[in-house]
């Protein structure tokens, strides 16, 4: 556990100085997993043999005198909707219970090139649809800071495995807040990159125009290290990926000087529905920025009021289309006792998909149908363009925007499963960022009365990740809220 208490940057330095080997580090990660994951339930697949083989390869290269990337030998867990060649990738769904991809996602190829040691696949809401990690067909993941609480979703396993000290880094995906909300609930750093900054090839799609892979870490520097490894253009596999999105390394260019930085506080994010403890913690963070020399002022983003219905129309429509491929014929789950093709389709999809996935497929099919396309989907696309324009106008006066992440801290497991609308309302602070295609980073800014973490959200302009990380580093250094590991 002592090794797993250290940050990824500290472990990288120890590996470089040969104070620890990659194999020792991998074994320490698996020892910690054996100790605590029975309580947390983050992992779906522990890939111990491939991880140790990868660690041995790193040690051989280092012993031969090679200069290796910073991530070489550092353990990283991966959300179970990111394809890993030869390792089960289920999307936490019965539909893909036995799917072993014959290829790697681009981000996995990049991790391999950088010498990272992938420790396994972690739990999530089925097909990334949910906000609590309770929609998994496999198991329930628990928040390490309160085992009776949800870790958030859909990347609940990715956040929990870092907060529990099982690994220093993980990858998740964010369609409407699925990195940021669990990062807030679990007291870790989570970055949703600008749309196009990271290749989506090999990410099993939920909503293709909104999905984005991003890092979890316990410090801003660690998040920058992992982001540096996965960012970049993918001309062969992802035409939406951007060419040279950043100038140089995010980690190398970290700068905590806040003098003259303009920070906007949108009044719409601090209104009714946000708990007093969450509001107070985020506003206290704003005061910290003032003390550091930043200019903090109120702004208005009135159209974000419509972000939630826009998001659920657009994301459900794309989900309906993307999940049509899971039909019980080519791979994955097939229902038994079917006498004709239509039976295979209907029974396999009815039995293979959980309730939340079926709900969103039905909603998406409805808004795309000929009688309702113009009334719902077309209007949602038009409103999306207006929200993008509103954010662009805001960034003419702001460098970054500071908001809450979720209306509350982590709630009790089972407390919202019977009320989908209440669950959806928890995304009110996050979905607008995906609609606008912007980057946003979450990090801890305090604790509530139950000692559950509270997160704050920093939003930047397109490809403004460096601004977010600089502001995050400044707050982290001033507050001391970093490398938080749950006492399990």
Protein backbone atom coordinates (compact mmCIF):
# COMPACT_ATOMS: atom_id res chain seq x y z
CA UNK A 1 0.00 0.00 0.00
CA UNK A 2 2.85 2.43 0.71
CA UNK A 3 3.77 2.51 -2.98
CA UNK A 4 0.13 2.99 -4.00
CA UNK A 5 -0.10 6.04 -1.70
CA UNK A 6 2.31 7.84 -3.97
CA UNK A 7 1.31 9.91 -6.99
CA UNK A 8 2.00 8.77 -10.54
CA UNK A 9 4.66 11.50 -10.84
CA UNK A 10 6.42 10.24 -7.70
CA UNK A 11 6.27 6.64 -8.91
CA UNK A 12 7.60 7.67 -12.33
CA UNK A 13 10.57 9.37 -10.68
CA UNK A 14 11.24 6.32 -8.49
CA UNK A 15 11.16 4.06 -11.55
CA UNK A 16 13.55 6.33 -13.41
CA UNK A 17 15.98 6.32 -10.45
CA UNK A 18 15.58 2.50 -10.25
CA UNK A 19 14.40 2.70 -6.65
CA UNK A 20 11.56 0.36 -7.59
CA UNK A 21 10.93 -1.89 -10.58
CA UNK A 22 7.83 -1.91 -12.75
CA UNK A 23 7.17 -5.49 -11.66
CA UNK A 24 7.33 -4.51 -7.97
CA UNK A 25 4.95 -1.65 -8.66
CA UNK A 26 2.49 -3.89 -10.52
CA UNK A 27 2.58 -6.44 -7.69
CA UNK A 28 1.95 -3.66 -5.17
CA UNK A 29 -1.10 -2.57 -7.16
CA UNK A 30 -2.50 -6.09 -7.27
CA UNK A 31 -1.81 -6.56 -3.57
CA UNK A 32 -3.80 -3.43 -2.80
CA UNK A 33 -6.60 -4.65 -5.07
CA UNK A 34 -6.69 -7.99 -3.25
CA UNK A 35 -6.88 -6.07 0.05
CA UNK A 36 -9.70 -3.61 -0.71
CA UNK A 37 -11.53 -4.39 -3.95
CA UNK A 38 -13.76 -6.90 -2.25
CA UNK A 39 -15.30 -3.90 -0.47
CA UNK A 40 -15.17 -1.44 -3.36
CA UNK A 41 -15.98 -3.67 -6.32
CA UNK A 42 -14.23 -1.55 -8.92
CA UNK A 43 -12.71 -4.26 -11.13
CA UNK A 44 -14.61 -6.45 -13.56
CA UNK A 45 -11.47 -8.06 -15.00
CA UNK A 46 -8.08 -8.10 -13.26
CA UNK A 47 -5.46 -8.61 -15.99
CA UNK A 48 -2.59 -9.71 -13.75
CA UNK A 49 -0.65 -11.89 -16.20
CA UNK A 50 -0.63 -9.40 -19.12
CA UNK A 51 0.20 -6.58 -16.70
CA UNK A 52 3.18 -8.40 -15.20
CA UNK A 53 4.42 -9.27 -18.69
CA UNK A 54 4.19 -5.61 -19.69
CA UNK A 55 6.00 -4.59 -16.48
CA UNK A 56 8.78 -7.09 -17.14
CA UNK A 57 9.21 -5.63 -20.65
CA UNK A 58 9.55 -2.13 -19.19
CA UNK A 59 12.18 -3.34 -16.69
CA UNK A 60 14.18 -5.00 -19.47
CA UNK A 61 14.15 -1.83 -21.56
CA UNK A 62 15.21 0.29 -18.59
CA UNK A 63 17.99 -2.18 -17.68
CA UNK A 64 19.23 -1.94 -21.28
CA UNK A 65 19.71 1.80 -20.82
CA UNK A 66 16.72 3.06 -22.82
CA UNK A 67 15.26 6.45 -21.97
CA UNK A 68 11.60 5.71 -21.35
CA UNK A 69 8.49 7.93 -21.27
CA UNK A 70 7.27 9.19 -17.86
CA UNK A 71 4.37 6.73 -17.84
CA UNK A 72 6.58 3.65 -18.36
CA UNK A 73 5.88 1.14 -15.60
CA UNK A 74 3.02 3.11 -14.01
CA UNK A 75 -0.19 1.08 -13.38
CA UNK A 76 -3.35 2.29 -15.18
CA UNK A 77 -6.87 0.83 -14.98
CA UNK A 78 -9.26 1.13 -17.93
CA UNK A 79 -13.03 1.55 -18.16
CA UNK A 80 -14.70 -1.53 -19.59
CA UNK A 81 -16.06 0.20 -22.71
CA UNK A 82 -12.53 0.77 -24.11
CA UNK A 83 -11.41 -2.13 -26.29
CA UNK A 84 -8.38 -4.13 -25.16
CA UNK A 85 -7.07 -6.84 -27.45
CA UNK A 86 -7.32 -10.25 -25.81
CA UNK A 87 -8.97 -8.92 -22.63
CA UNK A 88 -12.71 -9.10 -21.94
CA UNK A 89 -14.54 -5.84 -22.76
CA UNK A 90 -18.18 -6.03 -21.66
CA UNK A 91 -19.51 -2.48 -21.28
CA UNK A 92 -20.87 -3.96 -18.00
CA UNK A 93 -23.67 -5.48 -20.09
CA UNK A 94 -25.10 -8.95 -20.50
CA UNK A 95 -25.14 -8.13 -24.22
CA UNK A 96 -21.31 -8.23 -24.35
CA UNK A 97 -20.71 -10.69 -21.51
CA UNK A 98 -18.20 -12.74 -23.57
CA UNK A 99 -16.75 -10.15 -25.98
CA UNK A 100 -12.96 -10.23 -26.31
CA UNK A 101 -11.87 -7.57 -28.83
CA UNK A 102 -9.42 -8.57 -31.59
CA UNK A 103 -7.90 -5.07 -31.51
CA UNK A 104 -6.88 -2.27 -29.16
CA UNK A 105 -8.45 1.17 -28.89
CA UNK A 106 -6.12 3.95 -30.00
CA UNK A 107 -5.71 5.10 -26.39
CA UNK A 108 -4.60 1.58 -25.40
CA UNK A 109 -2.05 1.59 -28.22
CA UNK A 110 -0.78 4.93 -26.91
CA UNK A 111 -0.56 3.61 -23.34
CA UNK A 112 1.41 0.63 -24.64
CA UNK A 113 3.76 2.89 -26.61
CA UNK A 114 4.34 4.88 -23.41
CA UNK A 115 5.06 1.74 -21.38
CA UNK A 116 2.05 2.03 -19.07
CA UNK A 117 0.96 -1.17 -17.32
CA UNK A 118 -2.76 -1.83 -17.83
CA UNK A 119 -4.00 -3.63 -14.71
CA UNK A 120 -7.50 -4.53 -15.91
CA UNK A 121 -11.00 -3.33 -16.75
CA UNK A 122 -13.23 -1.52 -14.28
CA UNK A 123 -16.97 -1.28 -13.73
CA UNK A 124 -19.38 1.23 -15.24
CA UNK A 125 -23.03 1.88 -15.92
CA UNK A 126 -24.12 -0.39 -18.76
CA UNK A 127 -23.02 1.09 -22.11
CA UNK A 128 -22.11 4.25 -20.13
CA UNK A 129 -25.77 5.06 -19.50
CA UNK A 130 -26.23 6.21 -15.92
CA UNK A 131 -24.95 8.46 -13.17
CA UNK A 132 -24.34 6.06 -10.29
CA UNK A 133 -22.68 2.84 -11.54
CA UNK A 134 -25.81 0.99 -10.37
CA UNK A 135 -26.88 0.14 -13.93
CA UNK A 136 -24.05 -2.36 -14.37
CA UNK A 137 -25.24 -5.85 -15.21
CA UNK A 138 -22.19 -7.28 -13.42
CA UNK A 139 -21.95 -5.79 -9.92
CA UNK A 140 -22.41 -2.66 -7.81
CA UNK A 141 -19.34 -0.50 -7.20
CA UNK A 142 -19.12 1.30 -3.84
CA UNK A 143 -17.71 4.73 -3.11
CA UNK A 144 -14.43 4.22 -1.20
CA UNK A 145 -15.23 7.26 1.00
CA UNK A 146 -18.56 5.75 2.08
CA UNK A 147 -19.26 2.15 1.14
CA UNK A 148 -23.02 2.72 1.38
CA UNK A 149 -22.73 5.48 -1.26
CA UNK A 150 -22.57 5.42 -5.04
CA UNK A 151 -19.24 6.28 -6.70
CA UNK A 152 -21.02 8.19 -9.47
CA UNK A 153 -21.29 7.20 -13.07
CA UNK A 154 -20.96 6.11 -15.65
CA UNK A 155 -17.20 5.85 -14.97
CA UNK A 156 -17.76 4.88 -11.35
CA UNK A 157 -15.21 2.08 -11.38
CA UNK A 158 -12.54 4.33 -12.90
CA UNK A 159 -12.98 6.90 -10.13
CA UNK A 160 -13.30 4.39 -7.30
CA UNK A 161 -10.18 2.40 -8.23
CA UNK A 162 -8.07 5.59 -8.01
CA UNK A 163 -9.74 6.87 -4.82
CA UNK A 164 -9.23 3.48 -3.16
CA UNK A 165 -5.48 3.58 -3.82
CA UNK A 166 -5.54 0.54 -6.10
CA UNK A 167 -3.87 2.40 -8.97
CA UNK A 168 -2.69 6.01 -9.34
CA UNK A 169 -4.32 6.51 -12.76
CA UNK A 170 -7.28 5.31 -14.80
CA UNK A 171 -9.13 6.04 -18.02
CA UNK A 172 -12.85 6.76 -18.27
CA UNK A 173 -15.24 8.16 -20.82
CA UNK A 174 -17.52 11.20 -20.59
CA UNK A 175 -20.72 11.68 -22.59
CA UNK A 176 -22.60 14.00 -20.25
CA UNK A 177 -20.49 14.13 -17.10
CA UNK A 178 -19.41 10.50 -16.75
CA UNK A 179 -15.82 11.41 -15.82
CA UNK A 180 -16.52 14.57 -13.88
CA UNK A 181 -19.39 13.52 -11.62
CA UNK A 182 -17.68 10.35 -10.29
CA UNK A 183 -14.46 12.34 -9.87
CA UNK A 184 -16.41 14.74 -7.66
CA UNK A 185 -18.12 11.96 -5.68
CA UNK A 186 -14.83 10.10 -5.12
CA UNK A 187 -12.54 13.07 -4.42
CA UNK A 188 -10.19 12.67 -7.39
CA UNK A 189 -9.20 14.70 -10.45
CA UNK A 190 -11.11 13.98 -13.66
CA UNK A 191 -10.68 15.64 -17.05
CA UNK A 192 -13.21 15.66 -19.88
CA UNK A 193 -11.08 16.78 -22.85
CA UNK A 194 -12.20 18.95 -25.74
CA UNK A 195 -14.17 16.91 -28.26
CA UNK A 196 -11.60 15.62 -30.74
CA UNK A 197 -8.54 15.98 -28.52
CA UNK A 198 -8.41 12.21 -27.88
CA UNK A 199 -9.22 9.52 -30.45
CA UNK A 200 -12.48 7.66 -29.89
CA UNK A 201 -11.43 4.66 -31.96
CA UNK A 202 -12.06 1.53 -29.89
CA UNK A 203 -14.42 3.29 -27.48
CA UNK A 204 -17.71 1.39 -27.71
CA UNK A 205 -20.04 4.21 -28.68
CA UNK A 206 -22.92 5.61 -26.64
CA UNK A 207 -23.39 9.00 -28.37
CA UNK A 208 -20.63 9.55 -30.91
CA UNK A 209 -20.87 13.35 -31.12
CA UNK A 210 -20.60 13.69 -27.32
CA UNK A 211 -18.34 10.81 -26.15
CA UNK A 212 -14.77 11.58 -25.08
CA UNK A 213 -12.11 9.50 -23.30
CA UNK A 214 -10.23 11.19 -20.47
CA UNK A 215 -8.01 10.64 -17.41
CA UNK A 216 -8.61 10.12 -13.69
CA UNK A 217 -5.83 10.87 -11.21
CA UNK A 218 -5.26 12.08 -7.65
CA UNK A 219 -3.36 15.23 -8.66
CA UNK A 220 -3.51 17.69 -11.54
CA UNK A 221 0.08 16.87 -12.54
CA UNK A 222 -0.77 13.17 -12.78
CA UNK A 223 -3.82 13.94 -14.93
CA UNK A 224 -1.58 16.01 -17.22
CA UNK A 225 0.90 13.12 -17.46
CA UNK A 226 -1.81 10.68 -18.56
CA UNK A 227 -3.41 13.21 -20.88
CA UNK A 228 -0.06 13.84 -22.58
CA UNK A 229 0.14 10.13 -23.36
CA UNK A 230 -3.31 9.73 -24.96
CA UNK A 231 -3.86 13.04 -26.76
CA UNK A 232 -3.37 13.50 -30.49
CA UNK A 233 -4.57 13.14 -34.04
CA UNK A 234 -5.67 9.70 -35.28
CA UNK A 235 -5.97 10.12 -39.06
CA UNK A 236 -6.26 6.40 -39.70
CA UNK A 237 -9.17 5.65 -37.38
CA UNK A 238 -10.93 8.81 -36.14
CA UNK A 239 -11.66 11.64 -38.57
CA UNK A 240 -13.05 13.77 -35.73
CA UNK A 241 -9.71 13.78 -33.88
CA UNK A 242 -7.83 17.09 -34.00
CA UNK A 243 -4.38 17.81 -35.39
CA UNK A 244 -1.89 19.12 -32.78
CA UNK A 245 -4.55 20.26 -30.29
CA UNK A 246 -1.98 21.58 -27.80
CA UNK A 247 1.42 23.23 -28.01
CA UNK A 248 3.87 20.93 -26.28
CA UNK A 249 3.34 18.91 -23.12
CA UNK A 250 0.54 19.84 -20.73
CA UNK A 251 2.61 18.61 -17.79
CA UNK A 252 5.78 20.48 -18.84
CA UNK A 253 3.82 23.71 -19.29
CA UNK A 254 2.01 23.68 -15.93
CA UNK A 255 2.05 27.16 -14.38
CA UNK A 256 0.27 28.03 -11.14
CA UNK A 257 0.43 31.83 -11.52
CA UNK A 258 -3.14 33.13 -11.26
CA UNK A 259 -2.43 36.86 -11.39
CA UNK A 260 -4.73 38.47 -13.93
CA UNK A 261 -6.57 35.24 -14.79
CA UNK A 262 -10.27 35.95 -15.36
CA UNK A 263 -12.66 33.44 -13.74
CA UNK A 264 -16.40 33.57 -14.42
CA UNK A 265 -19.06 32.31 -12.00
CA UNK A 266 -22.27 31.63 -13.97
CA UNK A 267 -25.19 32.45 -11.71
CA UNK A 268 -27.35 29.73 -13.29
CA UNK A 269 -25.10 27.02 -11.80
CA UNK A 270 -25.49 28.23 -8.22
CA UNK A 271 -29.30 28.46 -7.98
CA UNK A 272 -32.07 26.26 -6.66
CA UNK A 273 -31.28 22.57 -6.39
CA UNK A 274 -27.60 23.00 -5.49
CA UNK A 275 -27.03 21.99 -1.88
CA UNK A 276 -25.78 24.62 0.55
CA UNK A 277 -22.60 22.66 1.30
CA UNK A 278 -21.71 22.27 -2.39
CA UNK A 279 -22.42 25.93 -3.15
CA UNK A 280 -20.39 27.13 -0.15
CA UNK A 281 -17.37 24.96 -1.03
CA UNK A 282 -17.24 26.11 -4.65
CA UNK A 283 -17.65 29.77 -3.68
CA UNK A 284 -14.88 29.31 -1.10
CA UNK A 285 -12.69 28.04 -3.96
CA UNK A 286 -13.55 31.24 -5.85
CA UNK A 287 -12.33 33.24 -2.83
CA UNK A 288 -9.09 31.25 -2.91
CA UNK A 289 -8.59 32.28 -6.52
CA UNK A 290 -9.19 35.92 -5.58
CA UNK A 291 -6.51 35.64 -2.91
CA UNK A 292 -4.16 34.22 -5.56
CA UNK A 293 -4.63 37.30 -7.72
CA UNK A 294 -7.30 36.12 -10.13
CA UNK A 295 -10.17 38.34 -11.21
CA UNK A 296 -13.42 36.59 -10.23
CA UNK A 297 -16.82 37.88 -11.38
CA UNK A 298 -20.38 36.75 -12.04
CA UNK A 299 -21.51 35.90 -15.55
CA UNK A 300 -24.74 34.59 -17.05
CA UNK A 301 -25.34 31.57 -19.29
CA UNK A 302 -29.15 31.57 -19.54
CA UNK A 303 -29.41 28.85 -22.19
CA UNK A 304 -27.91 26.15 -19.96
CA UNK A 305 -31.40 25.88 -18.47
CA UNK A 306 -32.26 23.86 -21.58
CA UNK A 307 -29.13 21.71 -21.60
CA UNK A 308 -30.63 18.70 -19.83
CA UNK A 309 -33.52 18.03 -22.28
CA UNK A 310 -31.23 18.83 -25.23
CA UNK A 311 -28.69 16.30 -23.98
CA UNK A 312 -31.18 13.50 -23.41
CA UNK A 313 -32.75 14.01 -26.84
CA UNK A 314 -29.43 14.03 -28.69
CA UNK A 315 -27.67 11.32 -26.70
CA UNK A 316 -30.65 8.96 -26.77
CA UNK A 317 -31.06 9.45 -30.52
CA UNK A 318 -27.42 8.54 -31.12
CA UNK A 319 -27.63 5.62 -28.69
CA UNK A 320 -30.63 4.25 -30.57
CA UNK A 321 -28.58 4.27 -33.76
CA UNK A 322 -25.27 3.05 -32.27
CA UNK A 323 -26.78 0.15 -30.33
CA UNK A 324 -28.74 -1.16 -33.30
CA UNK A 325 -25.67 -3.30 -34.15
CA UNK A 326 -26.19 -5.46 -31.06
CA UNK A 327 -28.73 -7.85 -32.52
CA UNK A 328 -27.79 -11.30 -31.21
CA UNK A 329 -26.35 -12.39 -34.55
CA UNK A 330 -22.72 -11.32 -34.98
CA UNK A 331 -21.28 -11.45 -31.44
CA UNK A 332 -22.27 -11.12 -27.81
CA UNK A 333 -25.46 -12.42 -26.21
CA UNK A 334 -27.97 -14.50 -28.18
CA UNK A 335 -31.26 -15.62 -26.64
CA UNK A 336 -32.04 -19.32 -26.72
CA UNK A 337 -35.15 -20.98 -28.12
CA UNK A 338 -35.58 -18.64 -31.09
CA UNK A 339 -37.27 -20.08 -34.17
CA UNK A 340 -36.84 -17.20 -36.63
CA UNK A 341 -34.71 -14.10 -37.18
CA UNK A 342 -37.15 -11.61 -35.65
CA UNK A 343 -37.27 -13.75 -32.50
CA UNK A 344 -33.48 -13.56 -32.23
CA UNK A 345 -33.54 -9.76 -32.50
CA UNK A 346 -36.38 -9.18 -30.07
CA UNK A 347 -35.45 -11.71 -27.41
CA UNK A 348 -31.70 -11.08 -27.53
CA UNK A 349 -32.09 -7.31 -27.17
CA UNK A 350 -34.82 -7.61 -24.53
CA UNK A 351 -32.75 -10.00 -22.44
CA UNK A 352 -29.30 -8.56 -23.23
CA UNK A 353 -29.96 -4.89 -22.49
CA UNK A 354 -30.84 -3.57 -19.02
CA UNK A 355 -33.78 -1.27 -18.25
CA UNK A 356 -31.88 2.01 -18.54
CA UNK A 357 -30.37 1.11 -21.91
CA UNK A 358 -33.77 0.01 -23.22
CA UNK A 359 -35.32 3.25 -21.93
CA UNK A 360 -32.84 5.39 -23.83
CA UNK A 361 -33.07 3.32 -27.01
CA UNK A 362 -36.84 3.76 -26.98
CA UNK A 363 -36.58 7.49 -26.32
CA UNK A 364 -34.02 7.87 -29.11
CA UNK A 365 -36.11 5.90 -31.58
CA UNK A 366 -39.10 8.07 -30.70
CA UNK A 367 -37.35 11.42 -31.29
CA UNK A 368 -35.90 10.16 -34.59
CA UNK A 369 -39.23 8.88 -35.92
CA UNK A 370 -40.78 10.63 -38.90
CA UNK A 371 -43.56 12.23 -36.87
CA UNK A 372 -41.28 13.72 -34.19
CA UNK A 373 -37.88 14.34 -35.82
CA UNK A 374 -38.63 18.01 -36.54
CA UNK A 375 -40.36 18.60 -33.21
CA UNK A 376 -37.58 17.18 -31.04
CA UNK A 377 -34.30 16.16 -32.65
CA UNK A 378 -34.02 19.02 -35.15
CA UNK A 379 -34.87 21.61 -32.49
CA UNK A 380 -32.37 20.08 -30.08
CA UNK A 381 -29.61 20.41 -32.70
CA UNK A 382 -30.53 24.06 -33.27
CA UNK A 383 -30.48 24.70 -29.51
CA UNK A 384 -27.09 22.98 -29.28
CA UNK A 385 -25.63 25.53 -31.70
CA UNK A 386 -26.99 28.36 -29.55
CA UNK A 387 -25.43 26.92 -26.39
CA UNK A 388 -22.09 26.63 -28.16
CA UNK A 389 -22.33 30.27 -29.24
CA UNK A 390 -23.23 31.33 -25.69
CA UNK A 391 -20.15 29.65 -24.24
CA UNK A 392 -17.96 31.12 -26.98
CA UNK A 393 -19.23 34.60 -26.10
CA UNK A 394 -18.55 33.97 -22.39
CA UNK A 395 -14.93 33.07 -23.13
CA UNK A 396 -14.40 36.47 -24.71
CA UNK A 397 -14.49 37.86 -21.17
CA UNK A 398 -13.31 34.79 -19.15
CA UNK A 399 -10.27 32.58 -19.23
CA UNK A 400 -12.02 29.81 -17.29
CA UNK A 401 -15.45 29.26 -15.76
CA UNK A 402 -15.93 27.84 -12.25
CA UNK A 403 -19.06 25.87 -11.29
CA UNK A 404 -20.30 23.03 -9.07
CA UNK A 405 -20.17 19.52 -10.55
CA UNK A 406 -23.29 17.94 -9.08
CA UNK A 407 -26.13 19.29 -6.94
CA UNK A 408 -25.17 17.03 -4.02
CA UNK A 409 -22.40 14.80 -2.78
CA UNK A 410 -22.57 11.01 -3.24
CA UNK A 411 -25.99 9.64 -2.34
CA UNK A 412 -26.90 6.26 -0.86
CA UNK A 413 -26.87 3.19 -3.08
CA UNK A 414 -30.43 2.38 -4.16
CA UNK A 415 -31.89 5.75 -3.16
CA UNK A 416 -32.59 6.94 -6.72
CA UNK A 417 -32.90 3.79 -8.79
CA UNK A 418 -36.70 3.94 -8.90
CA UNK A 419 -36.79 7.56 -10.09
CA UNK A 420 -34.93 8.01 -13.41
CA UNK A 421 -35.85 11.70 -13.67
CA UNK A 422 -34.24 12.45 -10.31
CA UNK A 423 -31.14 10.60 -11.48
CA UNK A 424 -31.07 12.58 -14.75
CA UNK A 425 -31.38 15.88 -12.86
CA UNK A 426 -28.02 15.16 -11.22
CA UNK A 427 -26.37 15.86 -14.59
CA UNK A 428 -27.57 19.47 -14.74
CA UNK A 429 -24.10 20.98 -14.17
CA UNK A 430 -22.20 18.75 -16.60
CA UNK A 431 -24.17 18.01 -19.78
CA UNK A 432 -23.84 21.49 -21.26
CA UNK A 433 -20.07 20.99 -21.60
CA UNK A 434 -20.49 17.95 -23.87
CA UNK A 435 -23.15 19.77 -25.88
CA UNK A 436 -20.66 22.58 -26.47
CA UNK A 437 -17.69 20.22 -27.06
CA UNK A 438 -15.59 22.01 -24.42
CA UNK A 439 -12.98 20.76 -21.93
CA UNK A 440 -13.76 20.65 -18.22
CA UNK A 441 -11.80 19.43 -15.23
CA UNK A 442 -13.02 18.41 -11.78
CA UNK A 443 -11.00 18.29 -8.58
CA UNK A 444 -11.81 18.14 -4.86
CA UNK A 445 -12.59 21.42 -3.09
CA UNK A 446 -13.82 20.19 0.30
CA UNK A 447 -15.96 17.71 2.21
CA UNK A 448 -19.55 17.72 3.44
CA UNK A 449 -20.74 17.01 6.98
CA UNK A 450 -20.46 13.25 6.33
CA UNK A 451 -16.83 13.61 5.16
CA UNK A 452 -17.86 12.88 1.58
CA UNK A 453 -15.86 14.73 -1.09
CA UNK A 454 -17.15 17.85 -2.84
CA UNK A 455 -15.81 18.67 -6.29
CA UNK A 456 -15.55 21.86 -8.32
CA UNK A 457 -15.64 22.13 -12.10
CA UNK A 458 -13.35 24.31 -14.20
CA UNK A 459 -14.55 24.84 -17.79
CA UNK A 460 -12.31 26.13 -20.56
CA UNK A 461 -12.56 27.23 -24.19
CA UNK A 462 -11.95 24.71 -26.96
CA UNK A 463 -8.51 23.12 -26.49
CA UNK A 464 -8.06 25.19 -23.34
CA UNK A 465 -6.88 22.21 -21.27
CA UNK A 466 -3.66 24.01 -20.31
CA UNK A 467 -5.66 26.87 -18.77
CA UNK A 468 -7.74 24.39 -16.78
CA UNK A 469 -4.72 22.51 -15.50
CA UNK A 470 -2.88 25.68 -14.57
CA UNK A 471 -5.89 26.92 -12.60
CA UNK A 472 -6.36 23.49 -11.05
CA UNK A 473 -2.73 23.31 -10.00
CA UNK A 474 -2.91 26.76 -8.40
CA UNK A 475 -5.94 25.76 -6.32
CA UNK A 476 -4.43 22.39 -5.45
CA UNK A 477 -1.26 24.01 -4.13
CA UNK A 478 -3.18 26.67 -2.16
CA UNK A 479 -5.73 24.27 -0.65
CA UNK A 480 -3.59 21.16 -0.16
CA UNK A 481 -6.50 19.05 -1.43
CA UNK A 482 -4.68 16.46 -3.51
CA UNK A 483 -3.73 12.77 -3.50
CA UNK A 484 -6.76 11.93 -1.38
CA UNK A 485 -7.02 8.19 -0.70
CA UNK A 486 -9.99 6.71 1.13
CA UNK A 487 -9.33 5.11 4.51
CA UNK A 488 -10.70 1.63 3.85
